[in-house]
């Protein structure tokens, strides 16, 4: 259901969802702020890496809406980095807000925005 039909991207999406699930499980297990912060860092870092990978593929294969897609990525990066910084600085004690926001954003992004560029990339021969 959440597959975009390009193996490398699907694997990255799975890793993002796995990191979200890990953060959720750690929250439910009552892990401390240091453990949660480390997982949040891993999630944010992997998200940035994934976006870079997608953007490289889109540019290489001349996806016509690459600028709009990158702008959407940049908006999320700004929001997520701010959430992470707020958590680390103690301005936000509840990582649940970040998990819920990211879960919804990632799933919506995969099902809508990513499906648009993958049609173009699959037409270019990527699988």
PDB file of N, CA and C in Angstrom:
ATOM      1  N   UNK A   1       0.818  -1.206   0.000  1.00  0.00           N
ATOM      2  CA  UNK A   1       0.000   0.000   0.000  1.00  0.00           C
ATOM      3  C   UNK A   1       0.860   1.267   0.000  1.00  0.00           C
ATOM      4  N   UNK A   2       1.964   1.263   0.792  1.00  0.00           N
ATOM      5  CA  UNK A   2       2.808   2.448   0.858  1.00  0.00           C
ATOM      6  C   UNK A   2       4.002   2.354  -0.077  1.00  0.00           C
ATOM      7  N   UNK A   3       3.979   1.393  -0.967  1.00  0.00           N
ATOM      8  CA  UNK A   3       5.060   1.230  -1.920  1.00  0.00           C
ATOM      9  C   UNK A   3       4.927   2.249  -3.042  1.00  0.00           C
ATOM     10  N   UNK A   4       6.080   2.787  -3.447  1.00  0.00           N
ATOM     11  CA  UNK A   4       6.099   3.677  -4.604  1.00  0.00           C
ATOM     12  C   UNK A   4       6.642   2.948  -5.822  1.00  0.00           C
ATOM     13  N   UNK A   5       7.051   1.693  -5.650  1.00  0.00           N
ATOM     14  CA  UNK A   5       7.486   0.883  -6.781  1.00  0.00           C
ATOM     15  C   UNK A   5       8.934   1.049  -7.170  1.00  0.00           C
ATOM     16  N   UNK A   6       9.715   1.728  -6.344  1.00  0.00           N
ATOM     17  CA  UNK A   6      11.154   1.864  -6.562  1.00  0.00           C
ATOM     18  C   UNK A   6      11.830   1.308  -5.307  1.00  0.00           C
ATOM     19  N   UNK A   7      12.529   0.208  -5.465  1.00  0.00           N
ATOM     20  CA  UNK A   7      13.032  -0.561  -4.330  1.00  0.00           C
ATOM     21  C   UNK A   7      13.823   0.295  -3.338  1.00  0.00           C
ATOM     22  N   UNK A   8      14.768   1.076  -3.818  1.00  0.00           N
ATOM     23  CA  UNK A   8      15.611   1.870  -2.905  1.00  0.00           C
ATOM     24  C   UNK A   8      14.777   2.859  -2.094  1.00  0.00           C
ATOM     25  N   UNK A   9      13.835   3.489  -2.725  1.00  0.00           N
ATOM     26  CA  UNK A   9      12.979   4.460  -2.027  1.00  0.00           C
ATOM     27  C   UNK A   9      12.051   3.736  -1.054  1.00  0.00           C
ATOM     28  N   UNK A  10      11.489   2.611  -1.477  1.00  0.00           N
ATOM     29  CA  UNK A  10      10.629   1.838  -0.579  1.00  0.00           C
ATOM     30  C   UNK A  10      11.392   1.387   0.671  1.00  0.00           C
ATOM     31  N   UNK A  11      12.647   0.986   0.500  1.00  0.00           N
ATOM     32  CA  UNK A  11      13.456   0.573   1.651  1.00  0.00           C
ATOM     33  C   UNK A  11      13.705   1.750   2.595  1.00  0.00           C
ATOM     34  N   UNK A  12      13.952   2.921   2.022  1.00  0.00           N
ATOM     35  CA  UNK A  12      14.154   4.110   2.853  1.00  0.00           C
ATOM     36  C   UNK A  12      12.871   4.482   3.593  1.00  0.00           C
ATOM     37  N   UNK A  13      11.746   4.399   2.903  1.00  0.00           N
ATOM     38  CA  UNK A  13      10.469   4.697   3.561  1.00  0.00           C
ATOM     39  C   UNK A  13      10.227   3.719   4.714  1.00  0.00           C
ATOM     40  N   UNK A  14      10.560   2.446   4.498  1.00  0.00           N
ATOM     41  CA  UNK A  14      10.391   1.452   5.554  1.00  0.00           C
ATOM     42  C   UNK A  14      11.262   1.803   6.752  1.00  0.00           C
ATOM     43  N   UNK A  15      12.494   2.227   6.501  1.00  0.00           N
ATOM     44  CA  UNK A  15      13.394   2.610   7.592  1.00  0.00           C
ATOM     45  C   UNK A  15      12.824   3.804   8.360  1.00  0.00           C
ATOM     46  N   UNK A  16      12.243   4.777   7.653  1.00  0.00           N
ATOM     47  CA  UNK A  16      11.629   5.923   8.330  1.00  0.00           C
ATOM     48  C   UNK A  16      10.489   5.476   9.240  1.00  0.00           C
ATOM     49  N   UNK A  17       9.640   4.610   8.723  1.00  0.00           N
ATOM     50  CA  UNK A  17       8.519   4.103   9.516  1.00  0.00           C
ATOM     51  C   UNK A  17       9.041   3.276  10.694  1.00  0.00           C
ATOM     52  N   UNK A  18      10.085   2.486  10.468  1.00  0.00           N
ATOM     53  CA  UNK A  18      10.682   1.703  11.558  1.00  0.00           C
ATOM     54  C   UNK A  18      11.209   2.620  12.667  1.00  0.00           C
ATOM     55  N   UNK A  19      11.860   3.717  12.287  1.00  0.00           N
ATOM     56  CA  UNK A  19      12.365   4.665  13.289  1.00  0.00           C
ATOM     57  C   UNK A  19      11.221   5.328  14.049  1.00  0.00           C
ATOM     58  N   UNK A  20      10.159   5.661  13.347  1.00  0.00           N
ATOM     59  CA  UNK A  20       8.976   6.217  14.024  1.00  0.00           C
ATOM     60  C   UNK A  20       8.406   5.211  15.015  1.00  0.00           C
ATOM     61  N   UNK A  21       8.297   3.957  14.583  1.00  0.00           N
ATOM     62  CA  UNK A  21       7.773   2.917  15.466  1.00  0.00           C
ATOM     63  C   UNK A  21       8.695   2.693  16.663  1.00  0.00           C
ATOM     64  N   UNK A  22       9.998   2.781  16.434  1.00  0.00           N
ATOM     65  CA  UNK A  22      10.953   2.640  17.536  1.00  0.00           C
ATOM     66  C   UNK A  22      10.750   3.757  18.549  1.00  0.00           C
ATOM     67  N   UNK A  23      10.612   4.979  18.071  1.00  0.00           N
ATOM     68  CA  UNK A  23      10.399   6.111  18.977  1.00  0.00           C
ATOM     69  C   UNK A  23       9.108   5.924  19.763  1.00  0.00           C
ATOM     70  N   UNK A  24       8.060   5.506  19.085  1.00  0.00           N
ATOM     71  CA  UNK A  24       6.782   5.270  19.752  1.00  0.00           C
ATOM     72  C   UNK A  24       6.929   4.194  20.834  1.00  0.00           C
ATOM     73  N   UNK A  25       7.598   3.088  20.493  1.00  0.00           N
ATOM     74  CA  UNK A  25       7.779   2.002  21.453  1.00  0.00           C
ATOM     75  C   UNK A  25       8.583   2.473  22.667  1.00  0.00           C
ATOM     76  N   UNK A  26       9.617   3.267  22.418  1.00  0.00           N
ATOM     77  CA  UNK A  26      10.427   3.780  23.523  1.00  0.00           C
ATOM     78  C   UNK A  26       9.603   4.693  24.420  1.00  0.00           C
ATOM     79  N   UNK A  27       8.742   5.480  23.833  1.00  0.00           N
ATOM     80  CA  UNK A  27       7.864   6.341  24.627  1.00  0.00           C
ATOM     81  C   UNK A  27       6.928   5.490  25.477  1.00  0.00           C
ATOM     82  N   UNK A  28       6.347   4.460  24.881  1.00  0.00           N
ATOM     83  CA  UNK A  28       5.409   3.594  25.599  1.00  0.00           C
ATOM     84  C   UNK A  28       6.105   2.796  26.710  1.00  0.00           C
ATOM     85  N   UNK A  29       7.405   2.502  26.498  1.00  0.00           N
ATOM     86  CA  UNK A  29       8.178   1.775  27.503  1.00  0.00           C
ATOM     87  C   UNK A  29       8.677   2.688  28.623  1.00  0.00           C
ATOM     88  N   UNK A  30       8.439   3.989  28.489  1.00  0.00           N
ATOM     89  CA  UNK A  30       8.868   4.933  29.511  1.00  0.00           C
ATOM     90  C   UNK A  30      10.350   5.226  29.487  1.00  0.00           C
ATOM     91  N   UNK A  31      10.954   5.112  28.317  1.00  0.00           N
ATOM     92  CA  UNK A  31      12.394   5.419  28.212  1.00  0.00           C
ATOM     93  C   UNK A  31      12.640   6.875  28.580  1.00  0.00           C
ATOM     94  N   UNK A  32      13.839   7.135  29.020  1.00  0.00           N
ATOM     95  CA  UNK A  32      14.196   8.473  29.472  1.00  0.00           C
ATOM     96  C   UNK A  32      14.460   9.435  28.336  1.00  0.00           C
ATOM     97  N   UNK A  33      14.550  10.707  28.676  1.00  0.00           N
ATOM     98  CA  UNK A  33      14.758  11.750  27.665  1.00  0.00           C
ATOM     99  C   UNK A  33      16.012  11.561  26.819  1.00  0.00           C
ATOM    100  N   UNK A  34      17.092  11.016  27.401  1.00  0.00           N
ATOM    101  CA  UNK A  34      18.317  10.832  26.620  1.00  0.00           C
ATOM    102  C   UNK A  34      18.116   9.795  25.520  1.00  0.00           C
ATOM    103  N   UNK A  35      17.450   8.685  25.842  1.00  0.00           N
ATOM    104  CA  UNK A  35      17.187   7.656  24.834  1.00  0.00           C
ATOM    105  C   UNK A  35      16.254   8.197  23.761  1.00  0.00           C
ATOM    106  N   UNK A  36      15.213   8.896  24.183  1.00  0.00           N
ATOM    107  CA  UNK A  36      14.276   9.461  23.209  1.00  0.00           C
ATOM    108  C   UNK A  36      14.983  10.475  22.313  1.00  0.00           C
ATOM    109  N   UNK A  37      15.827  11.306  22.907  1.00  0.00           N
ATOM    110  CA  UNK A  37      16.549  12.307  22.122  1.00  0.00           C
ATOM    111  C   UNK A  37      17.452  11.637  21.087  1.00  0.00           C
ATOM    112  N   UNK A  38      18.089  10.528  21.463  1.00  0.00           N
ATOM    113  CA  UNK A  38      18.962   9.819  20.520  1.00  0.00           C
ATOM    114  C   UNK A  38      18.150   9.252  19.352  1.00  0.00           C
ATOM    115  N   UNK A  39      16.984   8.716  19.644  1.00  0.00           N
ATOM    116  CA  UNK A  39      16.143   8.172  18.584  1.00  0.00           C
ATOM    117  C   UNK A  39      15.571   9.289  17.719  1.00  0.00           C
ATOM    118  N   UNK A  40      15.196  10.394  18.335  1.00  0.00           N
ATOM    119  CA  UNK A  40      14.725  11.554  17.569  1.00  0.00           C
ATOM    120  C   UNK A  40      15.830  12.028  16.629  1.00  0.00           C
ATOM    121  N   UNK A  41      17.056  12.104  17.141  1.00  0.00           N
ATOM    122  CA  UNK A  41      18.190  12.501  16.295  1.00  0.00           C
ATOM    123  C   UNK A  41      18.352  11.550  15.117  1.00  0.00           C
ATOM    124  N   UNK A  42      18.266  10.246  15.378  1.00  0.00           N
ATOM    125  CA  UNK A  42      18.410   9.262  14.306  1.00  0.00           C
ATOM    126  C   UNK A  42      17.303   9.428  13.268  1.00  0.00           C
ATOM    127  N   UNK A  43      16.098   9.670  13.735  1.00  0.00           N
ATOM    128  CA  UNK A  43      14.967   9.858  12.834  1.00  0.00           C
ATOM    129  C   UNK A  43      15.135  11.113  11.982  1.00  0.00           C
ATOM    130  N   UNK A  44      15.528  12.202  12.607  1.00  0.00           N
ATOM    131  CA  UNK A  44      15.730  13.454  11.875  1.00  0.00           C
ATOM    132  C   UNK A  44      16.873  13.301  10.876  1.00  0.00           C
ATOM    133  N   UNK A  45      17.984  12.720  11.316  1.00  0.00           N
ATOM    134  CA  UNK A  45      19.130  12.543  10.423  1.00  0.00           C
ATOM    135  C   UNK A  45      18.772  11.663   9.225  1.00  0.00           C
ATOM    136  N   UNK A  46      18.032  10.585   9.484  1.00  0.00           N
ATOM    137  CA  UNK A  46      17.678   9.687   8.387  1.00  0.00           C
ATOM    138  C   UNK A  46      16.687  10.356   7.437  1.00  0.00           C
ATOM    139  N   UNK A  47      15.785  11.155   7.979  1.00  0.00           N
ATOM    140  CA  UNK A  47      14.833  11.886   7.131  1.00  0.00           C
ATOM    141  C   UNK A  47      15.570  12.818   6.186  1.00  0.00           C
ATOM    142  N   UNK A  48      16.537  13.551   6.695  1.00  0.00           N
ATOM    143  CA  UNK A  48      17.324  14.473   5.867  1.00  0.00           C
ATOM    144  C   UNK A  48      18.097  13.694   4.798  1.00  0.00           C
ATOM    145  N   UNK A  49      18.676  12.571   5.182  1.00  0.00           N
ATOM    146  CA  UNK A  49      19.407  11.724   4.232  1.00  0.00           C
ATOM    147  C   UNK A  49      18.466  11.198   3.146  1.00  0.00           C
ATOM    148  N   UNK A  50      17.297  10.742   3.546  1.00  0.00           N
ATOM    149  CA  UNK A  50      16.311  10.224   2.593  1.00  0.00           C
ATOM    150  C   UNK A  50      15.893  11.314   1.616  1.00  0.00           C
ATOM    151  N   UNK A  51      15.613  12.497   2.124  1.00  0.00           N
ATOM    152  CA  UNK A  51      15.212  13.595   1.244  1.00  0.00           C
ATOM    153  C   UNK A  51      16.305  13.889   0.224  1.00  0.00           C
ATOM    154  N   UNK A  52      17.541  13.889   0.658  1.00  0.00           N
ATOM    155  CA  UNK A  52      18.659  14.134  -0.249  1.00  0.00           C
ATOM    156  C   UNK A  52      18.705  13.074  -1.341  1.00  0.00           C
ATOM    157  N   UNK A  53      18.481  11.833  -0.966  1.00  0.00           N
ATOM    158  CA  UNK A  53      18.485  10.739  -1.931  1.00  0.00           C
ATOM    159  C   UNK A  53      17.368  10.918  -2.962  1.00  0.00           C
ATOM    160  N   UNK A  54      16.172  11.208  -2.494  1.00  0.00           N
ATOM    161  CA  UNK A  54      15.057  11.441  -3.411  1.00  0.00           C
ATOM    162  C   UNK A  54      15.345  12.608  -4.353  1.00  0.00           C
ATOM    163  N   UNK A  55      15.843  13.687  -3.791  1.00  0.00           N
ATOM    164  CA  UNK A  55      16.093  14.887  -4.584  1.00  0.00           C
ATOM    165  C   UNK A  55      17.170  14.641  -5.637  1.00  0.00           C
ATOM    166  N   UNK A  56      18.183  13.861  -5.303  1.00  0.00           N
ATOM    167  CA  UNK A  56      19.220  13.519  -6.268  1.00  0.00           C
ATOM    168  C   UNK A  56      18.629  12.741  -7.440  1.00  0.00           C
ATOM    169  N   UNK A  57      17.797  11.749  -7.123  1.00  0.00           N
ATOM    170  CA  UNK A  57      17.147  10.971  -8.190  1.00  0.00           C
ATOM    171  C   UNK A  57      16.253  11.856  -9.062  1.00  0.00           C
ATOM    172  N   UNK A  58      15.495  12.725  -8.420  1.00  0.00           N
ATOM    173  CA  UNK A  58      14.593  13.599  -9.185  1.00  0.00           C
ATOM    174  C   UNK A  58      15.374  14.527 -10.112  1.00  0.00           C
ATOM    175  N   UNK A  59      16.453  15.084  -9.611  1.00  0.00           N
ATOM    176  CA  UNK A  59      17.260  15.988 -10.448  1.00  0.00           C
ATOM    177  C   UNK A  59      17.924  15.212 -11.588  1.00  0.00           C
ATOM    178  N   UNK A  60      18.499  14.068 -11.265  1.00  0.00           N
ATOM    179  CA  UNK A  60      19.191  13.270 -12.276  1.00  0.00           C
ATOM    180  C   UNK A  60      18.250  12.886 -13.410  1.00  0.00           C
ATOM    181  N   UNK A  61      17.013  12.540 -13.059  1.00  0.00           N
ATOM    182  CA  UNK A  61      16.039  12.099 -14.062  1.00  0.00           C
ATOM    183  C   UNK A  61      15.114  13.225 -14.528  1.00  0.00           C
ATOM    184  N   UNK A  62      15.488  14.451 -14.174  1.00  0.00           N
ATOM    185  CA  UNK A  62      14.800  15.664 -14.648  1.00  0.00           C
ATOM    186  C   UNK A  62      13.296  15.650 -14.386  1.00  0.00           C
ATOM    187  N   UNK A  63      12.957  15.326 -13.155  1.00  0.00           N
ATOM    188  CA  UNK A  63      11.551  15.379 -12.759  1.00  0.00           C
ATOM    189  C   UNK A  63      11.086  16.826 -12.838  1.00  0.00           C
ATOM    190  N   UNK A  64      10.024  17.123 -13.563  1.00  0.00           N
ATOM    191  CA  UNK A  64       9.638  18.517 -13.809  1.00  0.00           C
ATOM    192  C   UNK A  64       9.187  19.293 -12.568  1.00  0.00           C
ATOM    193  N   UNK A  65       8.700  18.630 -11.544  1.00  0.00           N
ATOM    194  CA  UNK A  65       8.239  19.327 -10.340  1.00  0.00           C
ATOM    195  C   UNK A  65       9.228  19.212  -9.183  1.00  0.00           C
ATOM    196  N   UNK A  66      10.505  19.039  -9.513  1.00  0.00           N
ATOM    197  CA  UNK A  66      11.516  18.855  -8.479  1.00  0.00           C
ATOM    198  C   UNK A  66      11.566  20.045  -7.518  1.00  0.00           C
ATOM    199  N   UNK A  67      11.414  21.247  -8.010  1.00  0.00           N
ATOM    200  CA  UNK A  67      11.505  22.425  -7.135  1.00  0.00           C
ATOM    201  C   UNK A  67      10.399  22.419  -6.085  1.00  0.00           C
ATOM    202  N   UNK A  68       9.193  22.097  -6.487  1.00  0.00           N
ATOM    203  CA  UNK A  68       8.070  22.061  -5.545  1.00  0.00           C
ATOM    204  C   UNK A  68       8.263  20.941  -4.521  1.00  0.00           C
ATOM    205  N   UNK A  69       8.743  19.797  -4.974  1.00  0.00           N
ATOM    206  CA  UNK A  69       8.954  18.666  -4.074  1.00  0.00           C
ATOM    207  C   UNK A  69      10.052  19.005  -3.059  1.00  0.00           C
ATOM    208  N   UNK A  70      11.122  19.606  -3.526  1.00  0.00           N
ATOM    209  CA  UNK A  70      12.215  19.997  -2.631  1.00  0.00           C
ATOM    210  C   UNK A  70      11.750  21.053  -1.628  1.00  0.00           C
ATOM    211  N   UNK A  71      10.902  21.956  -2.081  1.00  0.00           N
ATOM    212  CA  UNK A  71      10.365  22.982  -1.174  1.00  0.00           C
ATOM    213  C   UNK A  71       9.547  22.325  -0.059  1.00  0.00           C
ATOM    214  N   UNK A  72       8.784  21.299  -0.399  1.00  0.00           N
ATOM    215  CA  UNK A  72       8.014  20.572   0.618  1.00  0.00           C
ATOM    216  C   UNK A  72       8.954  19.880   1.602  1.00  0.00           C
ATOM    217  N   UNK A  73      10.006  19.276   1.088  1.00  0.00           N
ATOM    218  CA  UNK A  73      11.005  18.660   1.962  1.00  0.00           C
ATOM    219  C   UNK A  73      11.609  19.709   2.895  1.00  0.00           C
ATOM    220  N   UNK A  74      11.958  20.859   2.342  1.00  0.00           N
ATOM    221  CA  UNK A  74      12.586  21.901   3.160  1.00  0.00           C
ATOM    222  C   UNK A  74      11.657  22.396   4.259  1.00  0.00           C
ATOM    223  N   UNK A  75      10.370  22.530   3.964  1.00  0.00           N
ATOM    224  CA  UNK A  75       9.411  22.952   4.991  1.00  0.00           C
ATOM    225  C   UNK A  75       9.372  21.936   6.127  1.00  0.00           C
ATOM    226  N   UNK A  76       9.374  20.652   5.781  1.00  0.00           N
ATOM    227  CA  UNK A  76       9.354  19.643   6.831  1.00  0.00           C
ATOM    228  C   UNK A  76      10.650  19.668   7.636  1.00  0.00           C
ATOM    229  N   UNK A  77      11.782  19.799   6.951  1.00  0.00           N
ATOM    230  CA  UNK A  77      13.061  19.834   7.664  1.00  0.00           C
ATOM    231  C   UNK A  77      13.073  20.945   8.711  1.00  0.00           C
ATOM    232  N   UNK A  78      12.598  22.120   8.331  1.00  0.00           N
ATOM    233  CA  UNK A  78      12.563  23.255   9.262  1.00  0.00           C
ATOM    234  C   UNK A  78      11.679  22.909  10.466  1.00  0.00           C
ATOM    235  N   UNK A  79      10.503  22.336  10.219  1.00  0.00           N
ATOM    236  CA  UNK A  79       9.588  21.988  11.305  1.00  0.00           C
ATOM    237  C   UNK A  79      10.178  20.922  12.217  1.00  0.00           C
ATOM    238  N   UNK A  80      10.749  19.886  11.639  1.00  0.00           N
ATOM    239  CA  UNK A  80      11.265  18.778  12.434  1.00  0.00           C
ATOM    240  C   UNK A  80      12.508  19.199  13.225  1.00  0.00           C
ATOM    241  N   UNK A  81      13.371  19.973  12.609  1.00  0.00           N
ATOM    242  CA  UNK A  81      14.548  20.449  13.332  1.00  0.00           C
ATOM    243  C   UNK A  81      14.136  21.324  14.512  1.00  0.00           C
ATOM    244  N   UNK A  82      13.104  22.152  14.319  1.00  0.00           N
ATOM    245  CA  UNK A  82      12.606  22.995  15.407  1.00  0.00           C
ATOM    246  C   UNK A  82      12.011  22.136  16.523  1.00  0.00           C
ATOM    247  N   UNK A  83      11.258  21.102  16.153  1.00  0.00           N
ATOM    248  CA  UNK A  83      10.691  20.200  17.167  1.00  0.00           C
ATOM    249  C   UNK A  83      11.796  19.505  17.949  1.00  0.00           C
ATOM    250  N   UNK A  84      12.803  19.030  17.227  1.00  0.00           N
ATOM    251  CA  UNK A  84      13.919  18.356  17.892  1.00  0.00           C
ATOM    252  C   UNK A  84      14.641  19.306  18.839  1.00  0.00           C
ATOM    253  N   UNK A  85      14.915  20.514  18.354  1.00  0.00           N
ATOM    254  CA  UNK A  85      15.616  21.489  19.186  1.00  0.00           C
ATOM    255  C   UNK A  85      14.796  21.869  20.415  1.00  0.00           C
ATOM    256  N   UNK A  86      13.477  22.006  20.240  1.00  0.00           N
ATOM    257  CA  UNK A  86      12.604  22.308  21.375  1.00  0.00           C
ATOM    258  C   UNK A  86      12.646  21.181  22.404  1.00  0.00           C
ATOM    259  N   UNK A  87      12.626  19.943  21.933  1.00  0.00           N
ATOM    260  CA  UNK A  87      12.680  18.805  22.858  1.00  0.00           C
ATOM    261  C   UNK A  87      14.005  18.782  23.603  1.00  0.00           C
ATOM    262  N   UNK A  88      15.082  18.954  22.863  1.00  0.00           N
ATOM    263  CA  UNK A  88      16.411  18.922  23.492  1.00  0.00           C
ATOM    264  C   UNK A  88      16.595  20.058  24.505  1.00  0.00           C
ATOM    265  N   UNK A  89      15.977  21.218  24.227  1.00  0.00           N
ATOM    266  CA  UNK A  89      16.120  22.373  25.112  1.00  0.00           C
ATOM    267  C   UNK A  89      15.115  22.363  26.260  1.00  0.00           C
ATOM    268  N   UNK A  90      14.239  21.350  26.288  1.00  0.00           N
ATOM    269  CA  UNK A  90      13.263  21.266  27.356  1.00  0.00           C
ATOM    270  C   UNK A  90      12.037  22.139  27.147  1.00  0.00           C
ATOM    271  N   UNK A  91      11.900  22.720  25.966  1.00  0.00           N
ATOM    272  CA  UNK A  91      10.724  23.558  25.689  1.00  0.00           C
ATOM    273  C   UNK A  91       9.514  22.704  25.329  1.00  0.00           C
ATOM    274  N   UNK A  92       9.761  21.444  24.998  1.00  0.00           N
ATOM    275  CA  UNK A  92       8.695  20.500  24.697  1.00  0.00           C
ATOM    276  C   UNK A  92       9.049  19.194  25.378  1.00  0.00           C
ATOM    277  N   UNK A  93       8.196  18.741  26.249  1.00  0.00           N
ATOM    278  CA  UNK A  93       8.464  17.510  26.991  1.00  0.00           C
ATOM    279  C   UNK A  93       7.814  16.286  26.350  1.00  0.00           C
ATOM    280  N   UNK A  94       6.990  16.498  25.355  1.00  0.00           N
ATOM    281  CA  UNK A  94       6.198  15.400  24.821  1.00  0.00           C
ATOM    282  C   UNK A  94       6.581  15.093  23.380  1.00  0.00           C
ATOM    283  N   UNK A  95       7.421  14.077  23.165  1.00  0.00           N
ATOM    284  CA  UNK A  95       7.786  13.706  21.794  1.00  0.00           C
ATOM    285  C   UNK A  95       6.612  13.091  21.038  1.00  0.00           C
ATOM    286  N   UNK A  96       5.519  12.808  21.733  1.00  0.00           N
ATOM    287  CA  UNK A  96       4.324  12.260  21.095  1.00  0.00           C
ATOM    288  C   UNK A  96       3.824  13.195  19.989  1.00  0.00           C
ATOM    289  N   UNK A  97       3.924  14.500  20.226  1.00  0.00           N
ATOM    290  CA  UNK A  97       3.507  15.467  19.198  1.00  0.00           C
ATOM    291  C   UNK A  97       4.321  15.276  17.922  1.00  0.00           C
ATOM    292  N   UNK A  98       5.633  15.080  18.084  1.00  0.00           N
ATOM    293  CA  UNK A  98       6.492  14.884  16.929  1.00  0.00           C
ATOM    294  C   UNK A  98       6.147  13.577  16.218  1.00  0.00           C
ATOM    295  N   UNK A  99       5.939  12.516  16.975  1.00  0.00           N
ATOM    296  CA  UNK A  99       5.611  11.213  16.377  1.00  0.00           C
ATOM    297  C   UNK A  99       4.330  11.308  15.574  1.00  0.00           C
ATOM    298  N   UNK A 100       3.302  11.877  16.172  1.00  0.00           N
ATOM    299  CA  UNK A 100       2.018  11.988  15.472  1.00  0.00           C
ATOM    300  C   UNK A 100       2.129  12.856  14.229  1.00  0.00           C
ATOM    301  N   UNK A 101       2.824  13.975  14.344  1.00  0.00           N
ATOM    302  CA  UNK A 101       3.010  14.861  13.200  1.00  0.00           C
ATOM    303  C   UNK A 101       3.771  14.146  12.083  1.00  0.00           C
ATOM    304  N   UNK A 102       4.884  13.515  12.432  1.00  0.00           N
ATOM    305  CA  UNK A 102       5.707  12.851  11.419  1.00  0.00           C
ATOM    306  C   UNK A 102       4.998  11.653  10.800  1.00  0.00           C
ATOM    307  N   UNK A 103       4.305  10.884  11.612  1.00  0.00           N
ATOM    308  CA  UNK A 103       3.587   9.721  11.076  1.00  0.00           C
ATOM    309  C   UNK A 103       2.596  10.175  10.004  1.00  0.00           C
ATOM    310  N   UNK A 104       1.809  11.184  10.322  1.00  0.00           N
ATOM    311  CA  UNK A 104       0.817  11.668   9.362  1.00  0.00           C
ATOM    312  C   UNK A 104       1.484  12.271   8.133  1.00  0.00           C
ATOM    313  N   UNK A 105       2.537  13.063   8.356  1.00  0.00           N
ATOM    314  CA  UNK A 105       3.210  13.718   7.242  1.00  0.00           C
ATOM    315  C   UNK A 105       3.850  12.682   6.321  1.00  0.00           C
ATOM    316  N   UNK A 106       4.565  11.737   6.900  1.00  0.00           N
ATOM    317  CA  UNK A 106       5.270  10.742   6.084  1.00  0.00           C
ATOM    318  C   UNK A 106       4.286   9.916   5.268  1.00  0.00           C
ATOM    319  N   UNK A 107       3.242   9.441   5.912  1.00  0.00           N
ATOM    320  CA  UNK A 107       2.287   8.597   5.191  1.00  0.00           C
ATOM    321  C   UNK A 107       1.567   9.382   4.099  1.00  0.00           C
ATOM    322  N   UNK A 108       1.161  10.614   4.391  1.00  0.00           N
ATOM    323  CA  UNK A 108       0.529  11.450   3.364  1.00  0.00           C
ATOM    324  C   UNK A 108       1.502  11.744   2.226  1.00  0.00           C
ATOM    325  N   UNK A 109       2.738  12.040   2.593  1.00  0.00           N
ATOM    326  CA  UNK A 109       3.757  12.385   1.598  1.00  0.00           C
ATOM    327  C   UNK A 109       4.030  11.190   0.676  1.00  0.00           C
ATOM    328  N   UNK A 110       4.168  10.018   1.255  1.00  0.00           N
ATOM    329  CA  UNK A 110       4.419   8.821   0.443  1.00  0.00           C
ATOM    330  C   UNK A 110       3.240   8.557  -0.486  1.00  0.00           C
ATOM    331  N   UNK A 111       2.046   8.601   0.057  1.00  0.00           N
ATOM    332  CA  UNK A 111       0.861   8.219  -0.713  1.00  0.00           C
ATOM    333  C   UNK A 111       0.475   9.240  -1.786  1.00  0.00           C
ATOM    334  N   UNK A 112       0.885  10.478  -1.632  1.00  0.00           N
ATOM    335  CA  UNK A 112       0.482  11.500  -2.597  1.00  0.00           C
ATOM    336  C   UNK A 112       1.667  12.092  -3.353  1.00  0.00           C
ATOM    337  N   UNK A 113       2.475  12.845  -2.671  1.00  0.00           N
ATOM    338  CA  UNK A 113       3.561  13.575  -3.329  1.00  0.00           C
ATOM    339  C   UNK A 113       4.594  12.639  -3.952  1.00  0.00           C
ATOM    340  N   UNK A 114       5.018  11.622  -3.196  1.00  0.00           N
ATOM    341  CA  UNK A 114       6.025  10.707  -3.741  1.00  0.00           C
ATOM    342  C   UNK A 114       5.477   9.879  -4.900  1.00  0.00           C
ATOM    343  N   UNK A 115       4.229   9.528  -4.846  1.00  0.00           N
ATOM    344  CA  UNK A 115       3.633   8.760  -5.952  1.00  0.00           C
ATOM    345  C   UNK A 115       3.721   9.540  -7.264  1.00  0.00           C
ATOM    346  N   UNK A 116       3.671  10.876  -7.174  1.00  0.00           N
ATOM    347  CA  UNK A 116       3.749  11.700  -8.383  1.00  0.00           C
ATOM    348  C   UNK A 116       5.128  11.599  -9.027  1.00  0.00           C
ATOM    349  N   UNK A 117       6.191  11.732  -8.255  1.00  0.00           N
ATOM    350  CA  UNK A 117       7.520  11.683  -8.881  1.00  0.00           C
ATOM    351  C   UNK A 117       7.893  10.255  -9.275  1.00  0.00           C
ATOM    352  N   UNK A 118       7.389   9.268  -8.553  1.00  0.00           N
ATOM    353  CA  UNK A 118       7.778   7.908  -8.903  1.00  0.00           C
ATOM    354  C   UNK A 118       7.217   7.480 -10.242  1.00  0.00           C
ATOM    355  N   UNK A 119       6.090   8.025 -10.661  1.00  0.00           N
ATOM    356  CA  UNK A 119       5.595   7.733 -12.011  1.00  0.00           C
ATOM    357  C   UNK A 119       6.637   8.164 -13.039  1.00  0.00           C
ATOM    358  N   UNK A 120       7.192   9.336 -12.837  1.00  0.00           N
ATOM    359  CA  UNK A 120       8.216   9.859 -13.737  1.00  0.00           C
ATOM    360  C   UNK A 120       9.480   8.983 -13.693  1.00  0.00           C
ATOM    361  N   UNK A 121       9.917   8.627 -12.491  1.00  0.00           N
ATOM    362  CA  UNK A 121      11.139   7.835 -12.350  1.00  0.00           C
ATOM    363  C   UNK A 121      10.963   6.411 -12.878  1.00  0.00           C
ATOM    364  N   UNK A 122       9.811   5.843 -12.661  1.00  0.00           N
ATOM    365  CA  UNK A 122       9.562   4.498 -13.189  1.00  0.00           C
ATOM    366  C   UNK A 122       9.520   4.530 -14.734  1.00  0.00           C
ATOM    367  N   UNK A 123       8.968   5.605 -15.292  1.00  0.00           N
ATOM    368  CA  UNK A 123       8.970   5.749 -16.746  1.00  0.00           C
ATOM    369  C   UNK A 123      10.400   5.862 -17.281  1.00  0.00           C
ATOM    370  N   UNK A 124      11.320   6.360 -16.427  1.00  0.00           N
ATOM    371  CA  UNK A 124      12.737   6.462 -16.813  1.00  0.00           C
ATOM    372  C   UNK A 124      13.470   5.134 -16.597  1.00  0.00           C
ATOM    373  N   UNK A 125      12.761   4.113 -16.094  1.00  0.00           N
ATOM    374  CA  UNK A 125      13.352   2.792 -15.957  1.00  0.00           C
ATOM    375  C   UNK A 125      13.748   2.380 -14.559  1.00  0.00           C
ATOM    376  N   UNK A 126      13.532   3.224 -13.558  1.00  0.00           N
ATOM    377  CA  UNK A 126      13.888   2.840 -12.194  1.00  0.00           C
ATOM    378  C   UNK A 126      12.887   1.842 -11.644  1.00  0.00           C
ATOM    379  N   UNK A 127      13.384   0.873 -10.906  1.00  0.00           N
ATOM    380  CA  UNK A 127      12.531  -0.125 -10.261  1.00  0.00           C
ATOM    381  C   UNK A 127      13.026  -0.362  -8.871  1.00  0.00           C
TER     382      UNK A 127
END
